[in-house]
Amino acid sequence: MRVRRAALAGVFLLVGSVRCAGAHGTDNIVMGSTAVGGGNLVAAYDYATHVLVTPSATIAGFTIHTSSNPGLTPLLADDPAQSLFVLNDGTTLSFTLAAPLDAGVSVKIGSTVLDAVGETALVGTFDAANPDAFHVHPTWTLTVPAGTATVRQVSFTLTAPGYGASPVYTALLSNIAPTPTTTAGGSPAATPTATPTPSVPAHLEEPAAVKRGMSCARAIRAAAGKHARTTLASLAKCTQAALRCIQLAPGDAPCVGKAGAACAKAVAAIAARETALAATVEKKCAALGVADVRGAGGLGFDDAAAAACAAAGAPLAELADVGRCVARAATCRAARLLGAETPRAGEVLRLAGQSVPALDCLADRGGTGAGVGDPKGAGKALLTCQLATVGGGAKVVQARLAAADKCLGALFACVETRPGDGGCLADAARTCAAGDAKVATAEDKLAAALRKPCDAVPFAALAAAEGANVGALAGECDAYGVAPLATLDGYRECLRRQHACRAADLVAAASPRARELLALVGAALAEPFCPETP
C-alpha cells in the first residue's frame, strides 16, 4: 500500500489572514450596529452570493481552495435608513463559529484557525481615527477531494462588549467558477453553474451503528493479521527445523521425525485458530449484525467479497461465516508468503505427511528431501541464509499489516464519523504515509539482513532443488516483473514484491472496502507490479 508522496504539513494553513488598508466595497462584510452607541451587532453582506474559493494547492489527492474575500471591515458612516450605525470607538469585536462547519471548511483570522463550532477569533479593536486598521481579510478555506465541485456553508456571529450579538450569518463557499453569459447589451455577465451533490462514500447512519461498525472492523483486521503472522511463524519454524535435518544431519531419522511432529502440531493449530477467529468475529460483530457487516455502508462483505468467500467454501450467511472466510484467506496468504521465503516448505510438509486442505495454497515444488551433501559448508550457509530470509520476511509482513491497520482504521473513521470531511481524510492520509515509511524501512532492513549471510552462498546453490530451490520461483517472480531469476538481487526483489502483493491480498480479504477507502486519499492497495490473484 502506497500513499502518493506529498508534503502534507499545514494542509489548512497555507495562507494567513491579511490586514490591509483598502476600499470598503462589495467584497467586504461591513460591521456595524443597529443603534447609535449600542443595539445588536450587524454584518452586512449579500449572503446569497457565493464566496468563490480558488485552488491554491493539491496534496495527497485533496485540493485546497482559498479566498481572502470577503474581508471584514467597519462601517464608516451611519445609515439610519437601513438601521446601520458606526461602532463605538474602542469596540473590540470577535468572530465566532455559530454552527458545525460543513466538511472541509475552515476560516483563519490573524493566526487563529477556526474549524469547530464555538471557536472564536479576535477581529480587532475599532479606532475611529484609523478605521483601516480594523479592516481584516480572513482566509476562507475549502478542502475537498481533487475534482470535487461543491458549495459548503460556514455560519458565524459577531460579539463585542456593550452590544448584543449579531444574528447568525451563513456564508456559502464555492469552488464552482461562475459560467459567463451574455446580457441583452452584449456584455458578459456571470451566472453560477448548478451545484452538484458532493460525493460522499456510503456509510452507516446511526451513531450507535457507527461505533459498532468501527469496533467490528478493527477486530476483524486484528484477528486476521494475528492469525496470518502466527501461521507463518509456526510453519516457518517447523519447516526450517526439517531443512536443518536435511542439510546438516542427512539420514538422521530421529531429527526428521521430531521436525515432522512439530509440523503436524503447527498444522493442527491452524484449524483451531480458524475456529477461534470465526468465534471472535461472531462475538465482536454481533451488535452490528450481519446486514451491516455485509452492507456497502458498513464493512462491505458483499458482492465481490461474498463471491470470493463462496469460492473458498465459506458462503456468507451469518457472522461466523465471515470469520471463517477471513480465516481461510489469512491461512492461504500466510502459506503463499512461506512458499516464497522457503520454497521447499511444501516438499517438507509433504514428506512429513502434512499435505492437508488447509495448506492448499502452499505450492509443493517437488523434491525428494535430498540436501546438498555438505553439512559443514554449503549446507550450513544455505540454512543461515534461509533463516535470515524468514526472519526478515516476517518483519516486513508485520510492518505492512500494522500500517494497513492504522491507515484503514483512520480512513474508515472518517467515512463513518465525518463523511465528506476533507480535513479528516487529509489527517488520515498522513497516517497512511507514516505507515508507508515504516514499511520502506522494514524492506530496507530485509535487504540488508539478506546481504551478509546470502552473499556467501553461490546463487546456483540457492536455485538448486537440493539447495533452497529458489529456481522454482522463476514463474512466480516473472509474474511480479522480475525475470530472469538469475541472481540474489533478483530473488531479493522478487521476495519484496511477492510480500507486498500477498499482504495486500490479505488486507483486502479482511477489509473489503480497502481499495475504496484508499482511493479517497489518492492511494492504492496493491503496487502496480501485483498481478490479479485469487
Protein backbone atom coordinates (compact mmCIF):
# COMPACT_ATOMS: atom_id res chain seq x y z
CA MET A 1 0.00 0.00 0.00
CA ARG A 2 1.49 3.29 -1.07
CA VAL A 3 0.18 6.77 -0.42
CA ARG A 4 1.25 9.20 -3.10
CA ARG A 5 4.08 11.17 -1.59
CA ALA A 6 3.35 14.78 -0.73
CA ALA A 7 4.34 17.37 1.83
CA LEU A 8 1.22 17.34 3.97
CA ALA A 9 2.22 19.76 6.70
CA GLY A 10 -0.05 22.76 7.05
CA VAL A 11 -2.84 21.49 4.84
CA PHE A 12 -5.32 24.06 6.08
CA LEU A 13 -2.95 26.88 6.93
CA LEU A 14 -1.42 27.78 3.61
CA VAL A 15 -2.48 31.41 3.53
CA GLY A 16 -2.58 33.70 6.54
CA SER A 17 -5.19 36.41 7.15
CA VAL A 18 -4.11 39.74 5.73
CA ARG A 19 -4.64 43.09 7.50
CA CYS A 20 -4.73 45.83 4.95
CA ALA A 21 -5.98 49.32 4.21
CA GLY A 22 -8.36 49.48 1.30
CA ALA A 23 -11.71 50.47 -0.04
CA HIS A 24 -14.74 49.20 1.82
CA GLY A 25 -16.71 47.82 -1.11
CA THR A 26 -18.85 44.90 -2.12
CA ASP A 27 -16.05 42.42 -1.40
CA ASN A 28 -16.35 43.07 2.32
CA ILE A 29 -18.63 42.15 5.18
CA VAL A 30 -19.45 45.52 6.75
CA MET A 31 -19.59 45.54 10.54
CA GLY A 32 -21.79 47.96 12.45
CA SER A 33 -24.70 48.02 14.88
CA THR A 34 -28.47 48.51 14.87
CA ALA A 35 -28.46 51.61 17.09
CA VAL A 36 -26.29 54.60 17.90
CA GLY A 37 -23.85 53.58 20.63
CA GLY A 38 -25.42 50.15 21.17
CA GLY A 39 -28.00 47.71 19.92
CA ASN A 40 -27.05 44.47 18.23
CA LEU A 41 -24.07 43.95 16.01
CA VAL A 42 -24.61 43.65 12.26
CA ALA A 43 -22.52 42.03 9.49
CA ALA A 44 -23.95 43.41 6.26
CA TYR A 45 -23.27 41.40 3.11
CA ASP A 46 -25.11 39.73 0.24
CA TYR A 47 -25.01 36.21 1.66
CA ALA A 48 -26.84 34.78 -1.35
CA THR A 49 -23.67 35.41 -3.36
CA HIS A 50 -21.25 32.52 -3.30
CA VAL A 51 -17.76 33.17 -1.97
CA LEU A 52 -15.56 31.86 -4.79
CA VAL A 53 -12.55 29.98 -3.42
CA THR A 54 -9.86 29.07 -5.90
CA PRO A 55 -7.26 26.25 -5.90
CA SER A 56 -4.04 27.01 -4.03
CA ALA A 57 -2.55 23.50 -3.71
CA THR A 58 -3.30 19.82 -4.23
CA ILE A 59 -1.90 17.50 -1.58
CA ALA A 60 -2.42 13.74 -1.21
CA GLY A 61 -5.42 13.78 -3.54
CA PHE A 62 -7.07 16.83 -1.93
CA THR A 63 -7.34 20.28 -3.46
CA ILE A 64 -7.19 23.24 -1.07
CA HIS A 65 -9.23 26.23 -2.25
CA THR A 66 -8.85 29.62 -0.57
CA SER A 67 -10.00 33.21 -0.78
CA SER A 68 -9.21 36.34 1.20
CA ASN A 69 -12.54 37.90 0.26
CA PRO A 70 -14.92 38.89 1.65
CA GLY A 71 -12.97 40.89 4.15
CA LEU A 72 -14.26 42.22 7.45
CA THR A 73 -14.43 45.99 7.56
CA PRO A 74 -16.08 48.63 9.79
CA LEU A 75 -18.97 50.83 8.71
CA LEU A 76 -17.59 54.36 8.22
CA ALA A 77 -20.79 56.40 8.28
CA ASP A 78 -24.21 55.94 9.85
CA ASP A 79 -27.00 54.80 7.52
CA PRO A 80 -30.23 55.34 9.52
CA ALA A 81 -32.38 54.30 6.56
CA GLN A 82 -31.00 50.78 6.92
CA SER A 83 -30.60 50.95 10.70
CA LEU A 84 -26.82 50.66 10.36
CA PHE A 85 -24.60 52.67 12.68
CA VAL A 86 -20.88 53.09 13.21
CA LEU A 87 -19.36 51.17 16.11
CA ASN A 88 -18.22 52.98 19.23
CA ASP A 89 -14.59 53.95 19.26
CA GLY A 90 -12.57 51.30 21.13
CA THR A 91 -15.04 48.45 20.42
CA THR A 92 -13.25 45.08 20.48
CA LEU A 93 -15.04 42.67 18.19
CA SER A 94 -14.84 38.86 17.89
CA PHE A 95 -15.88 36.40 15.18
CA THR A 96 -17.40 33.09 16.42
CA LEU A 97 -18.45 29.97 14.53
CA ALA A 98 -22.13 29.52 15.34
CA ALA A 99 -22.86 26.10 13.85
CA PRO A 100 -20.93 22.96 12.92
CA LEU A 101 -18.92 23.60 9.78
CA ASP A 102 -19.59 21.72 6.60
CA ALA A 103 -16.92 19.16 5.78
CA GLY A 104 -13.59 20.59 4.65
CA VAL A 105 -14.32 24.20 5.66
CA SER A 106 -12.17 26.40 7.89
CA VAL A 107 -11.66 30.13 8.49
CA LYS A 108 -8.42 31.77 9.58
CA ILE A 109 -8.36 35.22 11.16
CA GLY A 110 -4.97 36.51 12.13
CA SER A 111 -3.13 33.45 13.47
CA THR A 112 -6.31 31.72 14.66
CA VAL A 113 -7.78 28.84 12.67
CA LEU A 114 -11.47 28.18 13.28
CA ASP A 115 -12.77 24.76 12.28
CA ALA A 116 -15.24 23.78 15.01
CA VAL A 117 -18.45 25.27 16.35
CA GLY A 118 -17.92 27.71 19.21
CA GLU A 119 -14.35 28.64 18.30
CA THR A 120 -13.64 32.38 18.36
CA ALA A 121 -11.08 34.71 16.81
CA LEU A 122 -10.39 38.33 17.66
CA VAL A 123 -11.11 40.63 14.72
CA GLY A 124 -9.63 43.71 16.36
CA THR A 125 -10.42 46.98 18.14
CA PHE A 126 -12.15 49.77 16.23
CA ASP A 127 -10.18 53.04 16.13
CA ALA A 128 -12.28 55.84 14.64
CA ALA A 129 -9.13 57.78 13.83
CA ASN A 130 -7.67 54.86 11.87
CA PRO A 131 -10.56 52.68 10.66
CA ASP A 132 -8.46 50.89 8.04
CA ALA A 133 -6.52 49.24 10.87
CA PHE A 134 -9.75 47.38 11.60
CA HIS A 135 -10.01 46.05 8.04
CA VAL A 136 -9.25 42.30 8.12
CA HIS A 137 -9.16 39.73 5.35
CA PRO A 138 -9.76 36.23 6.71
CA THR A 139 -8.66 33.15 4.81
CA TRP A 140 -11.75 31.22 3.80
CA THR A 141 -10.65 27.64 3.07
CA LEU A 142 -12.38 24.72 1.42
CA THR A 143 -10.53 21.37 1.21
CA VAL A 144 -12.13 18.61 -0.85
CA PRO A 145 -11.02 15.57 -2.88
CA ALA A 146 -9.44 16.69 -6.14
CA GLY A 147 -12.03 17.14 -8.84
CA THR A 148 -14.92 17.71 -6.43
CA ALA A 149 -17.15 20.70 -7.23
CA THR A 150 -19.28 21.81 -4.31
CA VAL A 151 -20.80 24.56 -2.19
CA ARG A 152 -20.26 24.40 1.58
CA GLN A 153 -21.55 26.56 4.45
CA VAL A 154 -19.90 28.41 7.28
CA SER A 155 -22.14 30.08 9.87
CA PHE A 156 -20.88 32.75 12.25
CA THR A 157 -21.87 35.50 14.63
CA LEU A 158 -20.16 38.69 15.86
CA THR A 159 -19.81 39.64 19.52
CA ALA A 160 -18.43 42.67 21.38
CA PRO A 161 -18.74 44.11 24.90
CA GLY A 162 -21.57 46.64 25.11
CA TYR A 163 -23.50 45.16 22.18
CA GLY A 164 -25.92 42.34 21.63
CA ALA A 165 -24.60 39.51 19.48
CA SER A 166 -25.32 39.70 15.80
CA PRO A 167 -27.72 37.31 14.10
CA VAL A 168 -26.19 34.10 12.77
CA TYR A 169 -24.99 34.64 9.22
CA THR A 170 -24.17 31.87 6.75
CA ALA A 171 -21.59 32.36 4.01
CA LEU A 172 -21.55 29.95 1.06
CA LEU A 173 -18.07 28.86 -0.03
CA SER A 174 -17.97 27.53 -3.58
CA ASN A 175 -15.19 26.23 -5.82
CA ILE A 176 -17.52 26.31 -8.83
CA ALA A 177 -16.46 29.07 -11.19
CA PRO A 178 -19.37 31.18 -12.50
CA THR A 179 -20.37 30.43 -16.08
CA PRO A 180 -20.21 33.59 -18.27
CA THR A 181 -23.44 34.53 -20.03
CA THR A 182 -24.32 37.49 -22.21
CA THR A 183 -26.60 40.35 -21.23
CA ALA A 184 -29.08 41.97 -23.57
CA GLY A 185 -26.50 44.63 -24.38
CA GLY A 186 -23.93 42.04 -25.40
CA SER A 187 -21.67 42.41 -22.36
CA PRO A 188 -20.68 39.33 -20.37
CA ALA A 189 -22.41 38.57 -17.11
CA ALA A 190 -21.64 35.83 -14.63
CA THR A 191 -24.22 33.29 -13.59
CA PRO A 192 -23.45 30.48 -11.20
CA THR A 193 -23.45 26.94 -12.50
CA ALA A 194 -25.66 24.33 -10.93
CA THR A 195 -24.33 22.99 -7.68
CA PRO A 196 -23.55 19.27 -7.89
CA THR A 197 -24.22 17.00 -4.97
CA PRO A 198 -20.93 16.25 -3.17
CA SER A 199 -19.80 12.66 -3.48
CA VAL A 200 -19.85 11.06 -0.03
CA PRO A 201 -18.93 7.38 0.42
CA ALA A 202 -21.58 5.03 1.72
CA HIS A 203 -21.65 4.98 5.49
CA LEU A 204 -23.70 3.86 8.46
CA GLU A 205 -26.27 6.40 9.62
CA GLU A 206 -26.95 5.64 13.29
CA PRO A 207 -24.23 6.77 15.76
CA ALA A 208 -24.52 3.51 17.68
CA ALA A 209 -24.10 1.51 14.48
CA VAL A 210 -21.07 3.61 13.52
CA LYS A 211 -19.37 2.82 16.83
CA ARG A 212 -20.16 -0.88 16.49
CA GLY A 213 -19.01 -0.90 12.87
CA MET A 214 -15.63 0.60 13.71
CA SER A 215 -15.16 -1.89 16.56
CA CYS A 216 -16.10 -4.83 14.35
CA ALA A 217 -13.81 -3.74 11.51
CA ARG A 218 -10.91 -3.26 13.90
CA ALA A 219 -11.47 -6.70 15.44
CA ILE A 220 -11.51 -8.42 12.05
CA ARG A 221 -8.33 -6.70 10.88
CA ALA A 222 -6.54 -7.53 14.12
CA ALA A 223 -7.66 -11.16 14.19
CA ALA A 224 -6.78 -11.76 10.54
CA GLY A 225 -3.34 -10.22 10.92
CA LYS A 226 -2.58 -12.17 14.08
CA HIS A 227 -3.68 -15.46 12.52
CA ALA A 228 -1.60 -14.87 9.39
CA ARG A 229 1.52 -13.92 11.36
CA THR A 230 1.18 -16.84 13.76
CA THR A 231 0.59 -19.32 10.95
CA LEU A 232 3.57 -18.02 9.00
CA ALA A 233 5.84 -18.13 12.06
CA SER A 234 4.84 -21.62 13.20
CA LEU A 235 5.13 -23.18 9.75
CA ALA A 236 8.42 -21.40 9.08
CA LYS A 237 9.84 -22.71 12.35
CA CYS A 238 8.93 -26.34 11.69
CA THR A 239 10.00 -26.32 8.02
CA GLN A 240 13.32 -24.74 8.89
CA ALA A 241 13.82 -27.44 11.52
CA ALA A 242 13.16 -30.09 8.87
CA LEU A 243 15.57 -28.43 6.44
CA ARG A 244 18.16 -28.35 9.18
CA CYS A 245 17.89 -32.13 9.37
CA ILE A 246 18.13 -32.43 5.59
CA GLN A 247 21.16 -30.19 5.21
CA LEU A 248 23.08 -30.74 8.46
CA ALA A 249 22.09 -34.27 9.51
CA PRO A 250 21.29 -36.25 6.37
CA GLY A 251 19.88 -39.67 7.20
CA ASP A 252 19.13 -38.74 10.82
CA ALA A 253 15.66 -40.29 11.20
CA PRO A 254 15.03 -39.06 14.79
CA CYS A 255 15.82 -35.48 13.67
CA VAL A 256 13.38 -35.75 10.78
CA GLY A 257 10.75 -37.37 12.99
CA LYS A 258 10.98 -34.61 15.58
CA ALA A 259 10.67 -31.90 12.91
CA GLY A 260 7.73 -33.75 11.36
CA ALA A 261 5.95 -33.88 14.72
CA ALA A 262 6.47 -30.12 15.11
CA CYS A 263 4.96 -29.55 11.67
CA ALA A 264 2.00 -31.78 12.47
CA LYS A 265 1.37 -29.73 15.61
CA ALA A 266 1.68 -26.46 13.66
CA VAL A 267 -0.76 -27.63 11.00
CA ALA A 268 -3.28 -28.87 13.59
CA ALA A 269 -3.15 -25.49 15.29
CA ILE A 270 -4.25 -23.77 12.08
CA ALA A 271 -7.73 -25.27 12.24
CA ALA A 272 -8.07 -24.32 15.91
CA ARG A 273 -7.08 -20.71 15.16
CA GLU A 274 -9.51 -20.53 12.23
CA THR A 275 -12.32 -21.66 14.54
CA ALA A 276 -11.25 -19.10 17.15
CA LEU A 277 -11.16 -16.34 14.55
CA ALA A 278 -14.71 -17.16 13.44
CA ALA A 279 -15.83 -17.02 17.07
CA THR A 280 -14.09 -13.67 17.55
CA VAL A 281 -15.89 -12.14 14.59
CA GLU A 282 -19.21 -13.53 15.79
CA LYS A 283 -18.67 -12.04 19.24
CA LYS A 284 -17.20 -8.66 18.25
CA CYS A 285 -19.67 -8.02 15.44
CA ALA A 286 -22.86 -9.44 16.95
CA ALA A 287 -24.14 -6.00 17.97
CA LEU A 288 -23.60 -4.68 14.44
CA GLY A 289 -25.35 -7.55 12.71
CA VAL A 290 -24.66 -9.45 9.51
CA ALA A 291 -26.59 -6.96 7.34
CA ASP A 292 -24.26 -4.07 8.19
CA VAL A 293 -21.19 -6.31 8.09
CA ARG A 294 -22.14 -7.15 4.51
CA GLY A 295 -23.60 -3.76 3.54
CA ALA A 296 -21.83 -1.20 1.36
CA GLY A 297 -22.07 1.45 4.09
CA GLY A 298 -20.70 -0.92 6.71
CA LEU A 299 -17.84 -3.37 6.26
CA GLY A 300 -18.66 -4.31 2.67
CA PHE A 301 -18.59 -8.11 2.91
CA ASP A 302 -20.94 -8.43 -0.02
CA ASP A 303 -20.78 -8.73 -3.79
CA ALA A 304 -17.13 -9.40 -4.70
CA ALA A 305 -16.18 -10.31 -1.12
CA ALA A 306 -19.14 -12.66 -0.80
CA ALA A 307 -18.31 -14.28 -4.14
CA ALA A 308 -14.69 -14.81 -3.07
CA CYS A 309 -15.83 -16.35 0.21
CA ALA A 310 -18.25 -18.67 -1.58
CA ALA A 311 -15.48 -19.74 -3.96
CA ALA A 312 -13.32 -20.52 -0.92
CA GLY A 313 -16.06 -22.72 0.52
CA ALA A 314 -17.35 -20.19 3.05
CA PRO A 315 -20.62 -18.69 1.72
CA LEU A 316 -21.72 -15.76 3.84
CA ALA A 317 -24.97 -16.47 5.64
CA GLU A 318 -24.11 -15.49 9.20
CA LEU A 319 -21.38 -13.70 11.13
CA ALA A 320 -19.38 -16.84 11.84
CA ASP A 321 -19.17 -17.37 8.07
CA VAL A 322 -17.43 -14.01 7.72
CA GLY A 323 -14.88 -15.12 10.31
CA ARG A 324 -14.35 -18.45 8.58
CA CYS A 325 -13.86 -16.79 5.22
CA VAL A 326 -11.34 -14.28 6.59
CA ALA A 327 -9.54 -17.06 8.47
CA ARG A 328 -9.16 -19.19 5.35
CA ALA A 329 -7.92 -16.20 3.38
CA ALA A 330 -5.35 -15.44 6.10
CA THR A 331 -4.17 -19.07 6.15
CA CYS A 332 -3.84 -19.07 2.37
CA ARG A 333 -1.86 -15.81 2.25
CA ALA A 334 0.43 -16.97 5.04
CA ALA A 335 1.10 -20.20 3.14
CA ARG A 336 1.97 -18.28 -0.01
CA LEU A 337 4.29 -15.97 1.88
CA LEU A 338 6.01 -19.02 3.33
CA GLY A 339 6.35 -20.51 -0.13
CA ALA A 340 8.47 -17.57 -1.28
CA GLU A 341 10.59 -17.37 1.87
CA THR A 342 11.09 -21.15 1.98
CA PRO A 343 10.50 -22.61 -1.50
CA ARG A 344 10.96 -26.16 -0.15
CA ALA A 345 8.26 -25.76 2.52
CA GLY A 346 5.63 -27.66 0.52
CA GLU A 347 8.09 -30.50 -0.09
CA VAL A 348 8.99 -30.70 3.59
CA LEU A 349 5.36 -30.79 4.72
CA ARG A 350 4.53 -33.47 2.14
CA LEU A 351 7.39 -35.63 3.36
CA ALA A 352 6.12 -35.11 6.91
CA GLY A 353 2.67 -36.29 5.86
CA GLN A 354 1.08 -32.85 6.26
CA SER A 355 -0.43 -32.26 2.83
CA VAL A 356 -3.79 -31.08 4.19
CA PRO A 357 -6.57 -28.93 2.67
CA ALA A 358 -5.69 -26.02 4.97
CA LEU A 359 -2.43 -25.70 3.07
CA ASP A 360 -3.75 -25.98 -0.48
CA CYS A 361 -2.27 -22.54 -1.19
CA LEU A 362 1.26 -23.72 -0.40
CA ALA A 363 2.86 -24.96 -3.60
CA ASP A 364 4.68 -28.28 -3.49
CA ARG A 365 7.52 -27.72 -5.92
CA GLY A 366 8.64 -31.32 -5.92
CA GLY A 367 11.81 -32.67 -4.37
CA THR A 368 12.80 -35.86 -2.61
CA GLY A 369 14.15 -34.47 0.62
CA ALA A 370 17.77 -34.52 -0.57
CA GLY A 371 20.31 -31.99 0.66
CA VAL A 372 23.48 -30.59 -0.87
CA GLY A 373 25.56 -33.18 0.97
CA ASP A 374 27.90 -30.67 2.58
CA PRO A 375 26.73 -30.19 6.19
CA LYS A 376 29.64 -28.06 7.37
CA GLY A 377 29.98 -25.96 4.24
CA ALA A 378 27.23 -25.22 1.73
CA GLY A 379 24.50 -26.81 3.85
CA LYS A 380 25.21 -24.58 6.84
CA ALA A 381 25.49 -21.48 4.65
CA LEU A 382 22.15 -22.24 2.99
CA LEU A 383 20.40 -22.60 6.32
CA THR A 384 21.87 -19.33 7.62
CA CYS A 385 20.65 -17.52 4.52
CA GLN A 386 17.16 -19.01 4.74
CA LEU A 387 16.81 -18.22 8.44
CA ALA A 388 17.63 -14.58 7.65
CA THR A 389 15.08 -14.62 4.83
CA VAL A 390 12.34 -15.99 7.06
CA GLY A 391 13.07 -13.57 9.90
CA GLY A 392 13.30 -10.50 7.67
CA GLY A 393 10.24 -11.51 5.67
CA ALA A 394 8.13 -11.85 8.81
CA LYS A 395 9.09 -8.32 9.88
CA VAL A 396 8.09 -6.91 6.50
CA VAL A 397 4.71 -8.65 6.71
CA GLN A 398 4.19 -7.35 10.24
CA ALA A 399 5.07 -3.80 9.15
CA ARG A 400 2.70 -3.96 6.19
CA LEU A 401 -0.23 -5.30 8.18
CA ALA A 402 0.33 -2.81 11.01
CA ALA A 403 0.50 0.08 8.54
CA ALA A 404 -2.67 -1.07 6.81
CA ASP A 405 -4.49 -1.44 10.12
CA LYS A 406 -3.74 2.14 11.19
CA CYS A 407 -4.34 3.60 7.74
CA LEU A 408 -7.65 1.85 7.11
CA GLY A 409 -8.77 2.46 10.67
CA ALA A 410 -8.25 6.21 10.19
CA LEU A 411 -9.96 6.24 6.78
CA PHE A 412 -12.92 4.17 7.97
CA ALA A 413 -13.34 6.50 10.94
CA CYS A 414 -13.50 9.49 8.57
CA VAL A 415 -16.08 7.85 6.32
CA GLU A 416 -18.26 6.72 9.20
CA THR A 417 -17.96 9.62 11.65
CA ARG A 418 -17.17 12.60 9.39
CA PRO A 419 -18.39 11.65 5.90
CA GLY A 420 -17.19 14.02 3.20
CA ASP A 421 -14.78 15.82 5.55
CA GLY A 422 -11.64 16.61 3.55
CA GLY A 423 -9.74 17.65 6.66
CA CYS A 424 -10.30 14.29 8.32
CA LEU A 425 -9.18 12.48 5.17
CA ALA A 426 -6.05 14.62 4.94
CA ASP A 427 -5.17 13.63 8.51
CA ALA A 428 -5.78 10.00 7.58
CA ALA A 429 -3.52 10.40 4.55
CA ARG A 430 -0.72 11.47 6.88
CA THR A 431 -1.30 8.34 8.97
CA CYS A 432 -1.12 6.21 5.84
CA ALA A 433 2.06 7.93 4.67
CA ALA A 434 3.71 7.35 8.06
CA GLY A 435 2.94 3.64 7.80
CA ASP A 436 4.30 3.60 4.27
CA ALA A 437 7.59 4.96 5.57
CA LYS A 438 7.79 2.20 8.20
CA VAL A 439 7.20 -0.44 5.54
CA ALA A 440 10.01 1.01 3.43
CA THR A 441 12.32 0.83 6.46
CA ALA A 442 11.39 -2.81 7.06
CA GLU A 443 12.08 -3.63 3.41
CA ASP A 444 15.46 -1.94 3.57
CA LYS A 445 16.28 -3.96 6.68
CA LEU A 446 15.27 -7.17 4.92
CA ALA A 447 17.62 -6.42 2.03
CA ALA A 448 20.43 -5.64 4.50
CA ALA A 449 19.70 -8.78 6.54
CA LEU A 450 19.99 -10.99 3.47
CA ARG A 451 23.14 -9.36 2.16
CA LYS A 452 25.75 -10.80 4.51
CA PRO A 453 24.50 -14.40 5.05
CA CYS A 454 23.21 -14.89 1.50
CA ASP A 455 26.06 -13.25 -0.38
CA ALA A 456 28.22 -16.10 0.90
CA VAL A 457 26.07 -18.63 -0.97
CA PRO A 458 26.52 -19.08 -4.73
CA PHE A 459 23.19 -18.41 -6.43
CA ALA A 460 23.43 -21.78 -8.14
CA ALA A 461 23.20 -23.42 -4.70
CA LEU A 462 20.20 -21.29 -3.75
CA ALA A 463 18.50 -22.14 -7.03
CA ALA A 464 19.15 -25.89 -6.95
CA ALA A 465 16.37 -28.29 -5.92
CA GLU A 466 18.60 -29.83 -3.24
CA GLY A 467 19.63 -26.36 -2.05
CA ALA A 468 16.95 -23.73 -1.36
CA ASN A 469 15.06 -24.45 -4.62
CA VAL A 470 14.77 -20.72 -5.31
CA GLY A 471 14.94 -21.53 -9.02
CA ALA A 472 11.44 -23.00 -8.77
CA LEU A 473 10.14 -19.46 -8.12
CA ALA A 474 11.06 -18.28 -11.62
CA GLY A 475 7.47 -18.35 -12.91
CA GLU A 476 6.06 -16.56 -9.87
CA CYS A 477 8.82 -13.95 -9.95
CA ASP A 478 8.13 -13.37 -13.64
CA ALA A 479 4.53 -12.57 -12.72
CA TYR A 480 5.87 -9.83 -10.42
CA GLY A 481 8.06 -8.40 -13.17
CA VAL A 482 11.34 -9.96 -12.02
CA ALA A 483 12.87 -12.05 -14.81
CA PRO A 484 15.05 -13.89 -15.36
CA LEU A 485 15.58 -15.07 -11.80
CA ALA A 486 19.33 -15.46 -12.01
CA THR A 487 20.88 -13.52 -9.14
CA LEU A 488 20.50 -12.98 -5.42
CA ASP A 489 19.44 -9.39 -6.04
CA GLY A 490 16.70 -10.70 -8.31
CA TYR A 491 15.47 -13.02 -5.57
CA ARG A 492 15.51 -10.20 -3.01
CA GLU A 493 13.39 -8.03 -5.29
CA CYS A 494 11.02 -10.89 -6.10
CA LEU A 495 10.60 -11.58 -2.39
CA ARG A 496 9.89 -7.91 -1.69
CA ARG A 497 7.27 -7.73 -4.41
CA GLN A 498 5.67 -11.02 -3.53
CA HIS A 499 5.31 -9.99 0.11
CA ALA A 500 3.84 -6.62 -0.90
CA CYS A 501 1.23 -8.29 -3.11
CA ARG A 502 0.31 -11.11 -0.75
CA ALA A 503 -0.01 -8.72 2.18
CA ALA A 504 -2.31 -6.55 0.05
CA ASP A 505 -4.39 -9.66 -0.73
CA LEU A 506 -4.76 -10.34 2.98
CA VAL A 507 -5.74 -6.74 3.72
CA ALA A 508 -8.40 -6.89 1.00
CA ALA A 509 -9.79 -10.14 2.41
CA ALA A 510 -10.11 -8.68 5.92
CA SER A 511 -11.21 -5.21 4.74
CA PRO A 512 -13.26 -5.47 1.54
CA ARG A 513 -13.60 -1.67 1.36
CA ALA A 514 -9.83 -1.13 1.47
CA ARG A 515 -9.48 -0.12 -2.18
CA GLU A 516 -12.44 2.26 -1.93
CA LEU A 517 -11.13 3.88 1.24
CA LEU A 518 -7.56 4.28 -0.02
CA ALA A 519 -8.79 5.84 -3.25
CA LEU A 520 -10.23 8.70 -1.16
CA VAL A 521 -6.67 9.85 -0.42
CA GLY A 522 -5.13 9.01 -3.79
CA ALA A 523 -3.60 5.75 -2.62
CA ALA A 524 -3.70 2.22 -3.97
CA LEU A 525 -3.93 -1.03 -2.05
CA ALA A 526 -1.64 -3.02 -4.31
CA GLU A 527 1.56 -1.99 -6.05
CA PRO A 528 1.45 -1.65 -9.87
CA PHE A 529 3.51 -4.83 -10.26
CA CYS A 530 0.99 -7.00 -8.40
CA PRO A 531 -0.85 -9.48 -10.62
CA GLU A 532 -4.52 -10.25 -10.17
CA THR A 533 -4.65 -13.14 -7.72
CA PRO A 534 -7.48 -15.14 -6.17
